[in-house]
């Protein structure tokens, strides 16, 4: 928007991968395809309406959320 500084990050999309990227992505282990699909759907629903001021904030927020919700105690 005119007059605003920064970057608006939107359009969140969670994508499965066969090769985890621990530096540029968020990698978690899931039991199988059904669990992975459920996690991806929850992430997209939770983050699709969120807006972040920059990509680093978005990445850190998603990473923390994934770690908290998938932590096995």
Protein backbone atom coordinates (compact mmCIF):
# COMPACT_ATOMS: atom_id res chain seq x y z
CA UNK A 1 0.00 0.00 0.00
CA UNK A 2 1.26 3.51 -0.74
CA UNK A 3 3.10 5.10 2.16
CA UNK A 4 3.72 1.85 4.02
CA UNK A 5 7.21 0.49 4.40
CA UNK A 6 8.19 -3.11 4.53
CA UNK A 7 7.02 -6.24 2.82
CA UNK A 8 3.61 -7.78 3.23
CA UNK A 9 3.86 -11.56 3.08
CA UNK A 10 0.70 -13.43 2.24
CA UNK A 11 -0.53 -16.42 0.30
CA UNK A 12 0.82 -19.06 2.66
CA UNK A 13 1.16 -22.49 1.10
CA UNK A 14 2.53 -25.56 2.86
CA UNK A 15 4.26 -27.98 0.51
CA UNK A 16 5.46 -31.54 1.12
CA UNK A 17 8.98 -32.44 0.10
CA UNK A 18 11.08 -35.57 -0.12
CA UNK A 19 14.32 -33.79 0.82
CA UNK A 20 14.17 -31.75 4.06
CA UNK A 21 15.70 -28.26 3.89
CA UNK A 22 16.74 -27.41 7.44
CA UNK A 23 18.19 -24.04 6.40
CA UNK A 24 15.52 -22.61 4.10
CA UNK A 25 12.51 -24.58 5.29
CA UNK A 26 10.84 -26.16 8.26
CA UNK A 27 11.45 -29.89 8.45
CA UNK A 28 9.43 -32.22 10.66
CA UNK A 29 9.01 -35.96 10.73
CA UNK A 30 5.51 -37.39 10.32
CA UNK A 31 4.26 -40.96 10.50
CA UNK A 32 2.88 -41.11 6.98
CA UNK A 33 1.03 -39.44 4.14
CA UNK A 34 -2.23 -39.01 6.07
CA UNK A 35 -0.52 -37.28 9.01
CA UNK A 36 1.49 -35.09 6.63
CA UNK A 37 -1.63 -34.06 4.72
CA UNK A 38 -3.45 -33.24 7.96
CA UNK A 39 -0.52 -31.10 9.14
CA UNK A 40 -0.31 -29.27 5.80
CA UNK A 41 -4.02 -28.54 5.89
CA UNK A 42 -3.86 -27.23 9.48
CA UNK A 43 -0.91 -25.00 8.58
CA UNK A 44 -2.62 -23.55 5.54
CA UNK A 45 -5.84 -22.90 7.49
CA UNK A 46 -4.00 -21.30 10.42
CA UNK A 47 -1.62 -19.13 8.42
CA UNK A 48 -3.60 -18.30 5.27
CA UNK A 49 -5.24 -15.27 6.88
CA UNK A 50 -2.18 -14.05 8.80
CA UNK A 51 -0.12 -11.13 7.54
CA UNK A 52 3.53 -10.58 8.35
CA UNK A 53 5.67 -7.49 7.96
CA UNK A 54 8.59 -9.42 6.50
CA UNK A 55 9.59 -12.86 5.31
CA UNK A 56 11.91 -13.52 8.26
CA UNK A 57 9.08 -12.92 10.74
CA UNK A 58 6.81 -15.21 8.73
CA UNK A 59 9.42 -17.96 8.58
CA UNK A 60 10.24 -17.78 12.29
CA UNK A 61 6.56 -17.75 13.27
CA UNK A 62 5.71 -20.76 11.11
CA UNK A 63 8.80 -22.64 12.28
CA UNK A 64 7.95 -22.04 15.96
CA UNK A 65 4.32 -23.06 15.42
CA UNK A 66 5.32 -26.28 13.65
CA UNK A 67 7.84 -27.20 16.34
CA UNK A 68 5.33 -26.55 19.12
CA UNK A 69 2.46 -28.45 17.51
CA UNK A 70 4.52 -31.43 16.39
CA UNK A 71 6.70 -31.81 19.50
CA UNK A 72 6.63 -35.30 20.83
CA UNK A 73 6.95 -35.47 24.60
